Amino acid sequence: ETMTIVEEALTEVNREIVQEIMTLGASAISLSGKDEPLIVAAKHPEINGVDIGFVGAAKRVNSEIIGKMATSDIIPVISPIGIGKDGYAYNINADTAAAEIARALKALKFVLLTDTDGILMNPKDPSTLIAHMGAAQVEEYITSGVITGGMIPKVRACLKALDRGVKKAHIINGKTPHALLLEIFTDHGIGSEIVKKSILGTVGGQG
């Protein structure tokens, strides 16, 4: 019953996003990860002996379907629902689902749009934005407590994408006008860029 509600809610959000994209002049289509199937999922293991229900992890992505849409200039808006080998639908963390899709597509960039400027050394001080870092630094920041809460699954998703050939991962504030353009096409960017191995400094710009 809960999964039915989740799927209905995500479908409605997808439709709104597709409509917005089409209003801006592009072509888009709403997809559920369980269709075709687009995302094959496995049930999440118990946590401290507790079954957490229909929560899953993406195990395989049908990149051929997404690739065909991309070459046809159609933007797929995919809800993070996967289908298990048992035939049940599973809710997947949206960040990790996106990372698996990026990995399957062998994307050059993986971008997470969120409601914060990126990773900050001090959450209360925007000037401490960590503009560039390597994968090893991410682990250090998690251990030291710089990266906490909901930012952890986001950076973990970035590391997953990088581990499968994605060249760069970005966490940026989607509420900033022209956020993607500013991050990708300017020297300093506006968010946090993560690469497999960093050769630059960390705070105050991407160099």
N, C-alpha and C. Protein backbone atom coordinates (compact mmCIF):
# COMPACT_ATOMS: atom_id res chain seq x y z
N GLU A 1 0.83 -1.21 0.00
CA GLU A 1 0.00 0.00 0.00
C GLU A 1 0.87 1.26 0.00
N THR A 2 1.94 1.22 0.78
CA THR A 2 2.83 2.37 0.83
C THR A 2 3.51 2.61 -0.51
N MET A 3 3.96 1.52 -1.14
CA MET A 3 4.62 1.65 -2.43
C MET A 3 3.68 2.21 -3.49
N THR A 4 2.41 1.87 -3.40
CA THR A 4 1.43 2.41 -4.34
C THR A 4 1.38 3.93 -4.22
N ILE A 5 1.37 4.41 -2.98
CA ILE A 5 1.35 5.86 -2.74
C ILE A 5 2.63 6.51 -3.25
N VAL A 6 3.77 5.87 -2.97
CA VAL A 6 5.07 6.40 -3.42
C VAL A 6 5.09 6.53 -4.95
N GLU A 7 4.67 5.47 -5.62
CA GLU A 7 4.68 5.49 -7.09
C GLU A 7 3.75 6.57 -7.65
N GLU A 8 2.57 6.72 -7.04
CA GLU A 8 1.64 7.75 -7.51
C GLU A 8 2.23 9.14 -7.33
N ALA A 9 2.88 9.36 -6.18
CA ALA A 9 3.47 10.68 -5.90
C ALA A 9 4.61 10.99 -6.88
N LEU A 10 5.48 9.99 -7.11
CA LEU A 10 6.60 10.21 -8.02
C LEU A 10 6.13 10.41 -9.46
N THR A 11 5.09 9.69 -9.84
CA THR A 11 4.54 9.86 -11.19
C THR A 11 4.01 11.27 -11.39
N GLU A 12 3.35 11.80 -10.37
CA GLU A 12 2.82 13.16 -10.46
C GLU A 12 3.95 14.18 -10.56
N VAL A 13 4.99 13.99 -9.76
CA VAL A 13 6.15 14.91 -9.81
C VAL A 13 6.80 14.82 -11.19
N ASN A 14 6.96 13.61 -11.70
CA ASN A 14 7.56 13.43 -13.03
C ASN A 14 6.78 14.19 -14.10
N ARG A 15 5.48 14.07 -14.05
CA ARG A 15 4.64 14.74 -15.05
C ARG A 15 4.81 16.26 -14.99
N GLU A 16 4.93 16.79 -13.78
CA GLU A 16 5.12 18.23 -13.64
C GLU A 16 6.47 18.66 -14.23
N ILE A 17 7.51 17.85 -13.99
CA ILE A 17 8.83 18.17 -14.52
C ILE A 17 8.82 18.10 -16.04
N VAL A 18 8.20 17.06 -16.58
CA VAL A 18 8.11 16.90 -18.03
C VAL A 18 7.38 18.08 -18.66
N GLN A 19 6.29 18.48 -18.04
CA GLN A 19 5.51 19.61 -18.56
C GLN A 19 6.34 20.88 -18.56
N GLU A 20 7.13 21.08 -17.50
CA GLU A 20 7.98 22.27 -17.42
C GLU A 20 9.04 22.25 -18.52
N ILE A 21 9.64 21.08 -18.73
CA ILE A 21 10.65 20.95 -19.77
C ILE A 21 10.06 21.25 -21.15
N MET A 22 8.87 20.71 -21.40
CA MET A 22 8.23 20.92 -22.69
C MET A 22 7.83 22.38 -22.89
N THR A 23 7.44 23.03 -21.80
CA THR A 23 7.10 24.46 -21.86
C THR A 23 8.31 25.28 -22.30
N LEU A 24 9.51 24.80 -21.93
CA LEU A 24 10.75 25.50 -22.28
C LEU A 24 11.24 25.14 -23.68
N GLY A 25 10.49 24.29 -24.37
CA GLY A 25 10.81 24.02 -25.76
C GLY A 25 11.54 22.72 -26.06
N ALA A 26 11.78 21.89 -25.03
CA ALA A 26 12.47 20.62 -25.26
C ALA A 26 11.46 19.47 -25.23
N SER A 27 11.92 18.29 -25.64
CA SER A 27 11.08 17.10 -25.59
C SER A 27 11.46 16.26 -24.38
N ALA A 28 10.47 15.73 -23.69
CA ALA A 28 10.74 14.93 -22.49
C ALA A 28 9.66 13.87 -22.34
N ILE A 29 9.98 12.84 -21.57
CA ILE A 29 9.03 11.78 -21.31
C ILE A 29 9.21 11.29 -19.88
N SER A 30 8.11 10.96 -19.23
CA SER A 30 8.14 10.45 -17.86
C SER A 30 8.24 8.93 -17.88
N LEU A 31 9.19 8.41 -17.13
CA LEU A 31 9.39 6.97 -17.05
C LEU A 31 9.51 6.53 -15.59
N SER A 32 9.05 5.32 -15.33
CA SER A 32 9.31 4.70 -14.03
C SER A 32 10.43 3.70 -14.22
N GLY A 33 11.33 3.64 -13.26
CA GLY A 33 12.45 2.73 -13.37
C GLY A 33 12.04 1.27 -13.45
N LYS A 34 10.81 0.97 -13.03
CA LYS A 34 10.38 -0.44 -13.05
C LYS A 34 9.85 -0.86 -14.42
N ASP A 35 9.62 0.10 -15.32
CA ASP A 35 9.11 -0.23 -16.65
C ASP A 35 10.24 -0.78 -17.52
N GLU A 36 9.96 -1.73 -18.34
CA GLU A 36 10.80 -2.34 -19.39
C GLU A 36 11.52 -3.65 -18.97
N PRO A 37 12.25 -3.81 -17.83
CA PRO A 37 12.49 -2.87 -16.74
C PRO A 37 13.71 -1.98 -17.03
N LEU A 38 13.61 -0.75 -16.58
CA LEU A 38 14.69 0.20 -16.75
C LEU A 38 15.74 0.02 -15.65
N ILE A 39 15.25 -0.20 -14.42
CA ILE A 39 16.15 -0.42 -13.28
C ILE A 39 15.79 -1.73 -12.60
N VAL A 40 16.76 -2.63 -12.53
CA VAL A 40 16.57 -3.88 -11.79
C VAL A 40 17.11 -3.64 -10.38
N ALA A 41 16.30 -3.95 -9.38
CA ALA A 41 16.66 -3.65 -8.00
C ALA A 41 16.75 -4.91 -7.15
N ALA A 42 17.42 -4.76 -6.04
CA ALA A 42 17.49 -5.82 -5.03
C ALA A 42 17.02 -5.24 -3.72
N LYS A 43 16.32 -6.03 -2.95
CA LYS A 43 15.79 -5.57 -1.66
C LYS A 43 16.94 -5.20 -0.72
N HIS A 44 16.78 -4.08 -0.04
CA HIS A 44 17.79 -3.62 0.93
C HIS A 44 17.83 -4.59 2.10
N PRO A 45 19.02 -4.97 2.55
CA PRO A 45 19.11 -5.88 3.70
C PRO A 45 18.55 -5.26 4.97
N GLU A 46 18.26 -6.12 5.91
CA GLU A 46 17.74 -5.64 7.20
C GLU A 46 18.73 -4.71 7.88
N ILE A 47 18.22 -3.76 8.63
CA ILE A 47 19.05 -2.85 9.42
C ILE A 47 18.84 -3.15 10.89
N ASN A 48 19.89 -3.60 11.56
CA ASN A 48 19.80 -4.00 12.97
C ASN A 48 18.68 -5.02 13.19
N GLY A 49 18.56 -5.93 12.23
CA GLY A 49 17.56 -6.99 12.36
C GLY A 49 16.15 -6.59 12.00
N VAL A 50 15.98 -5.36 11.48
CA VAL A 50 14.64 -4.86 11.15
C VAL A 50 14.46 -4.82 9.63
N ASP A 51 13.37 -5.43 9.17
CA ASP A 51 13.03 -5.37 7.75
C ASP A 51 12.48 -3.98 7.45
N ILE A 52 13.13 -3.24 6.52
CA ILE A 52 12.70 -1.86 6.25
C ILE A 52 11.73 -1.78 5.07
N GLY A 53 11.20 -2.91 4.67
CA GLY A 53 10.13 -2.89 3.68
C GLY A 53 10.63 -2.86 2.25
N PHE A 54 9.86 -2.20 1.38
CA PHE A 54 10.15 -2.22 -0.05
C PHE A 54 11.13 -1.11 -0.44
N VAL A 55 12.28 -1.16 0.20
CA VAL A 55 13.39 -0.25 -0.11
C VAL A 55 14.46 -1.09 -0.79
N GLY A 56 15.00 -0.59 -1.90
CA GLY A 56 15.95 -1.39 -2.65
C GLY A 56 17.17 -0.62 -3.10
N ALA A 57 18.05 -1.34 -3.75
CA ALA A 57 19.25 -0.75 -4.36
C ALA A 57 19.28 -1.13 -5.83
N ALA A 58 19.70 -0.19 -6.65
CA ALA A 58 19.79 -0.46 -8.09
C ALA A 58 20.95 -1.40 -8.37
N LYS A 59 20.67 -2.46 -9.11
CA LYS A 59 21.70 -3.44 -9.45
C LYS A 59 22.06 -3.41 -10.93
N ARG A 60 21.11 -3.04 -11.76
CA ARG A 60 21.39 -3.00 -13.19
C ARG A 60 20.47 -1.98 -13.85
N VAL A 61 21.01 -1.23 -14.80
CA VAL A 61 20.25 -0.20 -15.52
C VAL A 61 20.26 -0.53 -17.00
N ASN A 62 19.10 -0.47 -17.63
CA ASN A 62 18.99 -0.69 -19.07
C ASN A 62 19.38 0.60 -19.78
N SER A 63 20.66 0.75 -20.03
CA SER A 63 21.17 2.00 -20.60
C SER A 63 20.78 2.16 -22.07
N GLU A 64 20.45 1.06 -22.75
CA GLU A 64 20.12 1.13 -24.17
C GLU A 64 18.89 2.00 -24.41
N ILE A 65 17.88 1.82 -23.54
CA ILE A 65 16.64 2.60 -23.68
C ILE A 65 16.93 4.09 -23.50
N ILE A 66 17.69 4.42 -22.44
CA ILE A 66 18.00 5.81 -22.16
C ILE A 66 18.86 6.40 -23.28
N GLY A 67 19.81 5.60 -23.77
CA GLY A 67 20.69 6.06 -24.84
C GLY A 67 19.93 6.41 -26.11
N LYS A 68 18.93 5.60 -26.45
CA LYS A 68 18.13 5.86 -27.64
C LYS A 68 17.36 7.17 -27.51
N MET A 69 16.86 7.43 -26.31
CA MET A 69 16.14 8.69 -26.09
C MET A 69 17.08 9.89 -26.20
N ALA A 70 18.28 9.73 -25.64
CA ALA A 70 19.24 10.83 -25.68
C ALA A 70 19.63 11.17 -27.12
N THR A 71 19.85 10.14 -27.93
CA THR A 71 20.22 10.39 -29.33
C THR A 71 19.07 10.95 -30.13
N SER A 72 17.86 10.81 -29.62
CA SER A 72 16.67 11.37 -30.28
C SER A 72 16.27 12.72 -29.68
N ASP A 73 17.14 13.27 -28.83
CA ASP A 73 16.90 14.57 -28.18
C ASP A 73 15.64 14.55 -27.31
N ILE A 74 15.38 13.41 -26.68
CA ILE A 74 14.27 13.30 -25.72
C ILE A 74 14.87 13.14 -24.33
N ILE A 75 14.44 13.98 -23.41
CA ILE A 75 14.95 13.93 -22.04
C ILE A 75 14.10 12.97 -21.21
N PRO A 76 14.67 11.85 -20.75
CA PRO A 76 13.90 10.94 -19.90
C PRO A 76 13.90 11.43 -18.45
N VAL A 77 12.73 11.56 -17.87
CA VAL A 77 12.60 11.93 -16.46
C VAL A 77 12.21 10.66 -15.72
N ILE A 78 13.15 10.10 -14.97
CA ILE A 78 13.00 8.75 -14.45
C ILE A 78 12.75 8.76 -12.94
N SER A 79 11.64 8.13 -12.53
CA SER A 79 11.39 8.01 -11.09
C SER A 79 12.20 6.83 -10.54
N PRO A 80 12.79 6.98 -9.34
CA PRO A 80 13.71 5.97 -8.80
C PRO A 80 12.98 4.76 -8.20
N ILE A 81 12.27 4.06 -9.05
CA ILE A 81 11.59 2.83 -8.65
C ILE A 81 12.20 1.69 -9.47
N GLY A 82 12.63 0.64 -8.80
CA GLY A 82 13.19 -0.50 -9.51
C GLY A 82 12.31 -1.73 -9.33
N ILE A 83 12.51 -2.70 -10.18
CA ILE A 83 11.76 -3.94 -10.09
C ILE A 83 12.72 -5.05 -9.67
N GLY A 84 12.33 -5.83 -8.67
CA GLY A 84 13.17 -6.91 -8.19
C GLY A 84 12.92 -8.19 -8.96
N LYS A 85 13.81 -9.15 -8.83
CA LYS A 85 13.63 -10.44 -9.48
C LYS A 85 12.41 -11.17 -8.93
N ASP A 86 11.96 -10.72 -7.75
CA ASP A 86 10.76 -11.31 -7.14
C ASP A 86 9.48 -10.70 -7.69
N GLY A 87 9.63 -9.71 -8.60
CA GLY A 87 8.46 -9.08 -9.20
C GLY A 87 7.91 -7.89 -8.44
N TYR A 88 8.48 -7.59 -7.29
CA TYR A 88 8.01 -6.45 -6.49
C TYR A 88 8.75 -5.17 -6.88
N ALA A 89 8.06 -4.04 -6.73
CA ALA A 89 8.67 -2.74 -6.96
C ALA A 89 9.37 -2.28 -5.69
N TYR A 90 10.52 -1.63 -5.85
CA TYR A 90 11.29 -1.15 -4.71
C TYR A 90 11.63 0.32 -4.88
N ASN A 91 11.51 1.06 -3.80
CA ASN A 91 11.86 2.48 -3.78
C ASN A 91 13.37 2.59 -3.59
N ILE A 92 14.02 3.36 -4.46
CA ILE A 92 15.48 3.50 -4.42
C ILE A 92 15.82 4.95 -4.11
N ASN A 93 16.85 5.16 -3.32
CA ASN A 93 17.33 6.52 -3.06
C ASN A 93 17.61 7.20 -4.40
N ALA A 94 17.04 8.37 -4.60
CA ALA A 94 17.13 9.04 -5.91
C ALA A 94 18.57 9.36 -6.30
N ASP A 95 19.41 9.73 -5.34
CA ASP A 95 20.80 10.06 -5.65
C ASP A 95 21.55 8.83 -6.16
N THR A 96 21.37 7.68 -5.47
CA THR A 96 22.08 6.48 -5.88
C THR A 96 21.52 5.92 -7.18
N ALA A 97 20.21 6.07 -7.39
CA ALA A 97 19.63 5.64 -8.67
C ALA A 97 20.22 6.45 -9.82
N ALA A 98 20.34 7.76 -9.61
CA ALA A 98 20.93 8.63 -10.65
C ALA A 98 22.38 8.25 -10.91
N ALA A 99 23.12 7.91 -9.84
CA ALA A 99 24.52 7.51 -10.01
C ALA A 99 24.63 6.24 -10.83
N GLU A 100 23.75 5.29 -10.58
CA GLU A 100 23.77 4.04 -11.34
C GLU A 100 23.46 4.29 -12.82
N ILE A 101 22.54 5.21 -13.07
CA ILE A 101 22.21 5.56 -14.46
C ILE A 101 23.41 6.21 -15.14
N ALA A 102 24.08 7.11 -14.42
CA ALA A 102 25.27 7.78 -14.97
C ALA A 102 26.36 6.75 -15.28
N ARG A 103 26.53 5.80 -14.37
CA ARG A 103 27.54 4.75 -14.57
C ARG A 103 27.20 3.92 -15.80
N ALA A 104 25.94 3.54 -15.93
CA ALA A 104 25.52 2.70 -17.05
C ALA A 104 25.69 3.41 -18.38
N LEU A 105 25.48 4.73 -18.38
CA LEU A 105 25.60 5.52 -19.61
C LEU A 105 27.04 5.93 -19.91
N LYS A 106 27.94 5.68 -18.94
CA LYS A 106 29.33 6.11 -19.05
C LYS A 106 29.38 7.62 -19.30
N ALA A 107 28.61 8.32 -18.51
CA ALA A 107 28.50 9.78 -18.65
C ALA A 107 29.82 10.47 -18.30
N LEU A 108 30.06 11.61 -18.92
CA LEU A 108 31.25 12.39 -18.60
C LEU A 108 31.09 13.15 -17.29
N LYS A 109 29.85 13.61 -17.04
CA LYS A 109 29.59 14.36 -15.82
C LYS A 109 28.34 13.82 -15.11
N PHE A 110 28.37 13.90 -13.79
CA PHE A 110 27.23 13.53 -12.95
C PHE A 110 26.92 14.72 -12.07
N VAL A 111 25.73 15.28 -12.20
CA VAL A 111 25.39 16.51 -11.47
C VAL A 111 24.18 16.27 -10.57
N LEU A 112 24.33 16.59 -9.30
CA LEU A 112 23.22 16.52 -8.35
C LEU A 112 22.76 17.94 -8.04
N LEU A 113 21.51 18.23 -8.35
CA LEU A 113 20.92 19.52 -8.01
C LEU A 113 20.26 19.39 -6.65
N THR A 114 20.64 20.24 -5.72
CA THR A 114 20.06 20.19 -4.37
C THR A 114 19.67 21.61 -3.96
N ASP A 115 19.40 21.81 -2.69
CA ASP A 115 18.98 23.14 -2.23
C ASP A 115 20.04 23.82 -1.38
N THR A 116 21.28 23.30 -1.47
CA THR A 116 22.40 23.94 -0.78
C THR A 116 23.50 24.21 -1.81
N ASP A 117 24.44 25.09 -1.45
CA ASP A 117 25.48 25.50 -2.40
C ASP A 117 26.49 24.42 -2.71
N GLY A 118 26.53 23.38 -1.90
CA GLY A 118 27.50 22.31 -2.06
C GLY A 118 27.98 21.86 -0.70
N ILE A 119 29.23 21.43 -0.63
CA ILE A 119 29.80 20.96 0.63
C ILE A 119 30.57 22.12 1.27
N LEU A 120 30.22 22.42 2.52
CA LEU A 120 30.84 23.53 3.24
C LEU A 120 31.66 23.01 4.42
N MET A 121 32.82 23.59 4.64
CA MET A 121 33.60 23.26 5.84
C MET A 121 32.83 23.66 7.09
N ASN A 122 32.15 24.82 6.99
CA ASN A 122 31.30 25.31 8.07
C ASN A 122 29.91 25.57 7.49
N PRO A 123 28.91 24.75 7.85
CA PRO A 123 27.58 24.87 7.27
C PRO A 123 26.95 26.26 7.40
N LYS A 124 27.44 27.06 8.35
CA LYS A 124 26.88 28.39 8.57
C LYS A 124 27.63 29.48 7.81
N ASP A 125 28.69 29.10 7.11
CA ASP A 125 29.51 30.09 6.43
C ASP A 125 29.67 29.73 4.95
N PRO A 126 28.90 30.37 4.05
CA PRO A 126 28.96 30.05 2.62
C PRO A 126 30.34 30.22 2.01
N SER A 127 31.19 31.07 2.62
CA SER A 127 32.52 31.30 2.07
C SER A 127 33.44 30.09 2.23
N THR A 128 33.01 29.09 3.01
CA THR A 128 33.84 27.90 3.24
C THR A 128 33.46 26.77 2.28
N LEU A 129 32.83 27.13 1.16
CA LEU A 129 32.47 26.13 0.16
C LEU A 129 33.72 25.38 -0.30
N ILE A 130 33.63 24.07 -0.32
CA ILE A 130 34.72 23.23 -0.84
C ILE A 130 34.44 23.03 -2.32
N ALA A 131 35.15 23.77 -3.13
CA ALA A 131 34.84 23.82 -4.56
C ALA A 131 35.38 22.63 -5.33
N HIS A 132 36.43 22.01 -4.83
CA HIS A 132 37.05 20.90 -5.57
C HIS A 132 37.67 19.92 -4.58
N MET A 133 37.47 18.63 -4.82
CA MET A 133 38.07 17.62 -3.94
C MET A 133 38.17 16.29 -4.65
N GLY A 134 39.05 15.44 -4.13
CA GLY A 134 39.19 14.09 -4.65
C GLY A 134 38.41 13.11 -3.82
N ALA A 135 38.28 11.89 -4.31
CA ALA A 135 37.51 10.87 -3.62
C ALA A 135 38.05 10.59 -2.22
N ALA A 136 39.38 10.57 -2.07
CA ALA A 136 39.97 10.29 -0.77
C ALA A 136 39.62 11.38 0.24
N GLN A 137 39.55 12.62 -0.21
CA GLN A 137 39.19 13.73 0.67
C GLN A 137 37.74 13.60 1.14
N VAL A 138 36.87 13.08 0.25
CA VAL A 138 35.46 12.90 0.63
C VAL A 138 35.37 11.98 1.83
N GLU A 139 36.09 10.88 1.79
CA GLU A 139 36.06 9.93 2.91
C GLU A 139 36.58 10.58 4.19
N GLU A 140 37.63 11.40 4.05
CA GLU A 140 38.18 12.11 5.21
C GLU A 140 37.15 13.06 5.81
N TYR A 141 36.41 13.77 4.94
CA TYR A 141 35.42 14.73 5.41
C TYR A 141 34.23 14.02 6.08
N ILE A 142 33.90 12.84 5.62
CA ILE A 142 32.83 12.08 6.27
C ILE A 142 33.29 11.65 7.66
N THR A 143 34.51 11.12 7.74
CA THR A 143 35.06 10.65 9.02
C THR A 143 35.20 11.78 10.02
N SER A 144 35.61 12.96 9.54
CA SER A 144 35.84 14.10 10.45
C SER A 144 34.56 14.84 10.82
N GLY A 145 33.45 14.52 10.14
CA GLY A 145 32.18 15.17 10.47
C GLY A 145 31.88 16.41 9.67
N VAL A 146 32.72 16.74 8.68
CA VAL A 146 32.43 17.90 7.82
C VAL A 146 31.22 17.59 6.94
N ILE A 147 31.19 16.39 6.39
CA ILE A 147 30.05 15.93 5.58
C ILE A 147 29.15 15.08 6.47
N THR A 148 27.90 15.52 6.65
CA THR A 148 27.00 14.82 7.55
C THR A 148 25.60 14.72 6.94
N GLY A 149 24.73 14.01 7.64
CA GLY A 149 23.30 13.96 7.30
C GLY A 149 23.02 13.57 5.87
N GLY A 150 22.10 14.31 5.24
CA GLY A 150 21.66 14.01 3.90
C GLY A 150 22.71 14.21 2.83
N MET A 151 23.82 14.89 3.17
CA MET A 151 24.88 15.09 2.19
C MET A 151 25.69 13.80 1.99
N ILE A 152 25.68 12.91 2.98
CA ILE A 152 26.46 11.67 2.88
C ILE A 152 26.00 10.80 1.71
N PRO A 153 24.68 10.48 1.58
CA PRO A 153 24.29 9.67 0.42
C PRO A 153 24.57 10.37 -0.91
N LYS A 154 24.58 11.70 -0.91
CA LYS A 154 24.87 12.42 -2.15
C LYS A 154 26.34 12.23 -2.56
N VAL A 155 27.26 12.39 -1.62
CA VAL A 155 28.67 12.23 -1.97
C VAL A 155 28.98 10.76 -2.24
N ARG A 156 28.31 9.85 -1.54
CA ARG A 156 28.50 8.43 -1.82
C ARG A 156 28.05 8.11 -3.25
N ALA A 157 26.96 8.73 -3.68
CA ALA A 157 26.48 8.54 -5.04
C ALA A 157 27.52 9.07 -6.04
N CYS A 158 28.12 10.21 -5.72
CA CYS A 158 29.16 10.76 -6.58
C CYS A 158 30.35 9.80 -6.69
N LEU A 159 30.74 9.21 -5.57
CA LEU A 159 31.87 8.29 -5.59
C LEU A 159 31.54 7.04 -6.42
N LYS A 160 30.30 6.58 -6.33
CA LYS A 160 29.89 5.43 -7.14
C LYS A 160 30.01 5.74 -8.62
N ALA A 161 29.54 6.92 -9.01
CA ALA A 161 29.61 7.31 -10.41
C ALA A 161 31.07 7.40 -10.88
N LEU A 162 31.92 8.00 -10.08
CA LEU A 162 33.33 8.15 -10.43
C LEU A 162 34.02 6.80 -10.55
N ASP A 163 33.60 5.86 -9.73
CA ASP A 163 34.22 4.53 -9.70
C ASP A 163 33.98 3.75 -10.99
N ARG A 164 32.97 4.16 -11.75
CA ARG A 164 32.65 3.46 -12.99
C ARG A 164 32.94 4.29 -14.25
N GLY A 165 33.86 5.25 -14.12
CA GLY A 165 34.31 5.93 -15.32
C GLY A 165 33.78 7.33 -15.55
N VAL A 166 32.80 7.79 -14.75
CA VAL A 166 32.36 9.17 -14.86
C VAL A 166 33.53 10.07 -14.46
N LYS A 167 33.82 11.09 -15.24
CA LYS A 167 35.02 11.89 -15.02
C LYS A 167 34.89 12.87 -13.85
N LYS A 168 33.73 13.52 -13.75
CA LYS A 168 33.54 14.52 -12.70
C LYS A 168 32.12 14.45 -12.15
N ALA A 169 31.99 14.70 -10.86
CA ALA A 169 30.68 14.77 -10.22
C ALA A 169 30.54 16.15 -9.58
N HIS A 170 29.34 16.69 -9.61
CA HIS A 170 29.10 18.04 -9.09
C HIS A 170 27.87 18.04 -8.18
N ILE A 171 27.96 18.77 -7.09
CA ILE A 171 26.81 19.02 -6.22
C ILE A 171 26.60 20.52 -6.22
N ILE A 172 25.44 20.96 -6.74
CA ILE A 172 25.21 22.40 -6.88
C ILE A 172 23.80 22.75 -6.41
N ASN A 173 23.61 24.04 -6.18
CA ASN A 173 22.32 24.55 -5.72
C ASN A 173 21.41 24.79 -6.92
N GLY A 174 20.39 23.95 -7.06
CA GLY A 174 19.47 24.07 -8.18
C GLY A 174 18.59 25.29 -8.13
N LYS A 175 18.57 25.99 -7.00
CA LYS A 175 17.76 27.20 -6.88
C LYS A 175 18.47 28.43 -7.43
N THR A 176 19.77 28.28 -7.72
CA THR A 176 20.53 29.39 -8.28
C THR A 176 20.25 29.49 -9.78
N PRO A 177 19.84 30.66 -10.26
CA PRO A 177 19.58 30.81 -11.70
C PRO A 177 20.79 30.40 -12.54
N HIS A 178 20.55 29.63 -13.60
CA HIS A 178 21.60 29.20 -14.52
C HIS A 178 22.69 28.39 -13.82
N ALA A 179 22.30 27.62 -12.81
CA ALA A 179 23.28 26.90 -11.99
C ALA A 179 24.18 25.98 -12.81
N LEU A 180 23.60 25.23 -13.73
CA LEU A 180 24.40 24.30 -14.54
C LEU A 180 25.43 25.04 -15.40
N LEU A 181 25.01 26.12 -16.03
CA LEU A 181 25.92 26.89 -16.87
C LEU A 181 27.06 27.47 -16.04
N LEU A 182 26.73 28.00 -14.88
CA LEU A 182 27.75 28.61 -14.02
C LEU A 182 28.74 27.59 -13.49
N GLU A 183 28.26 26.39 -13.20
CA GLU A 183 29.15 25.36 -12.67
C GLU A 183 30.05 24.78 -13.76
N ILE A 184 29.51 24.54 -14.91
CA ILE A 184 30.24 23.81 -15.95
C ILE A 184 31.07 24.73 -16.85
N PHE A 185 30.58 25.94 -17.10
CA PHE A 185 31.23 26.78 -18.11
C PHE A 185 31.94 28.01 -17.55
N THR A 186 32.16 28.04 -16.24
CA THR A 186 32.98 29.11 -15.67
C THR A 186 34.19 28.50 -14.98
N ASP A 187 35.24 29.30 -14.80
CA ASP A 187 36.49 28.80 -14.23
C ASP A 187 36.33 28.32 -12.79
N HIS A 188 35.54 29.05 -12.01
CA HIS A 188 35.47 28.74 -10.58
C HIS A 188 34.23 27.95 -10.20
N GLY A 189 33.21 27.93 -11.05
CA GLY A 189 32.01 27.19 -10.71
C GLY A 189 31.26 27.82 -9.55
N ILE A 190 30.20 27.15 -9.12
CA ILE A 190 29.42 27.68 -7.99
C ILE A 190 29.16 26.63 -6.92
N GLY A 191 29.54 25.38 -7.19
CA GLY A 191 29.24 24.30 -6.25
C GLY A 191 30.48 23.50 -5.89
N SER A 192 30.27 22.25 -5.54
CA SER A 192 31.36 21.35 -5.18
C SER A 192 31.59 20.33 -6.28
N GLU A 193 32.82 20.29 -6.76
CA GLU A 193 33.20 19.35 -7.81
C GLU A 193 34.03 18.24 -7.18
N ILE A 194 33.70 16.99 -7.54
CA ILE A 194 34.42 15.84 -7.00
C ILE A 194 35.01 15.05 -8.16
N VAL A 195 36.29 14.73 -8.06
CA VAL A 195 36.96 13.91 -9.06
C VAL A 195 37.61 12.72 -8.34
N LYS A 196 38.05 11.75 -9.13
CA LYS A 196 38.62 10.56 -8.51
C LYS A 196 39.89 10.89 -7.75
N LYS A 197 40.73 11.73 -8.37
CA LYS A 197 41.97 12.12 -7.73
C LYS A 197 42.20 13.60 -7.92
N SER A 198 42.27 14.34 -6.83
CA SER A 198 42.40 15.79 -6.90
C SER A 198 43.87 16.21 -6.96
N ILE A 199 44.12 17.24 -7.76
CA ILE A 199 45.47 17.83 -7.80
C ILE A 199 45.40 19.32 -7.46
N LEU A 200 44.19 19.78 -7.04
CA LEU A 200 44.00 21.20 -6.74
C LEU A 200 43.77 21.42 -5.26
N GLY A 201 43.69 22.69 -4.89
CA GLY A 201 43.30 23.05 -3.53
C GLY A 201 41.83 22.74 -3.32
N THR A 202 41.34 23.00 -2.11
CA THR A 202 39.99 22.57 -1.79
C THR A 202 39.02 23.69 -1.53
N VAL A 203 39.43 24.74 -0.83
CA VAL A 203 38.46 25.73 -0.39
C VAL A 203 38.63 27.03 -1.18
N GLY A 204 37.48 27.59 -1.60
CA GLY A 204 37.50 28.93 -2.16
C GLY A 204 37.64 29.01 -3.67
N GLY A 205 37.47 27.90 -4.37
CA GLY A 205 37.51 27.97 -5.83
C GLY A 205 38.08 26.70 -6.42
N GLN A 206 37.75 26.47 -7.70
CA GLN A 206 38.22 25.26 -8.35
C GLN A 206 39.57 25.46 -9.01
N GLY A 207 40.13 26.63 -8.91
CA GLY A 207 41.45 26.87 -9.47
C GLY A 207 41.37 27.18 -10.93
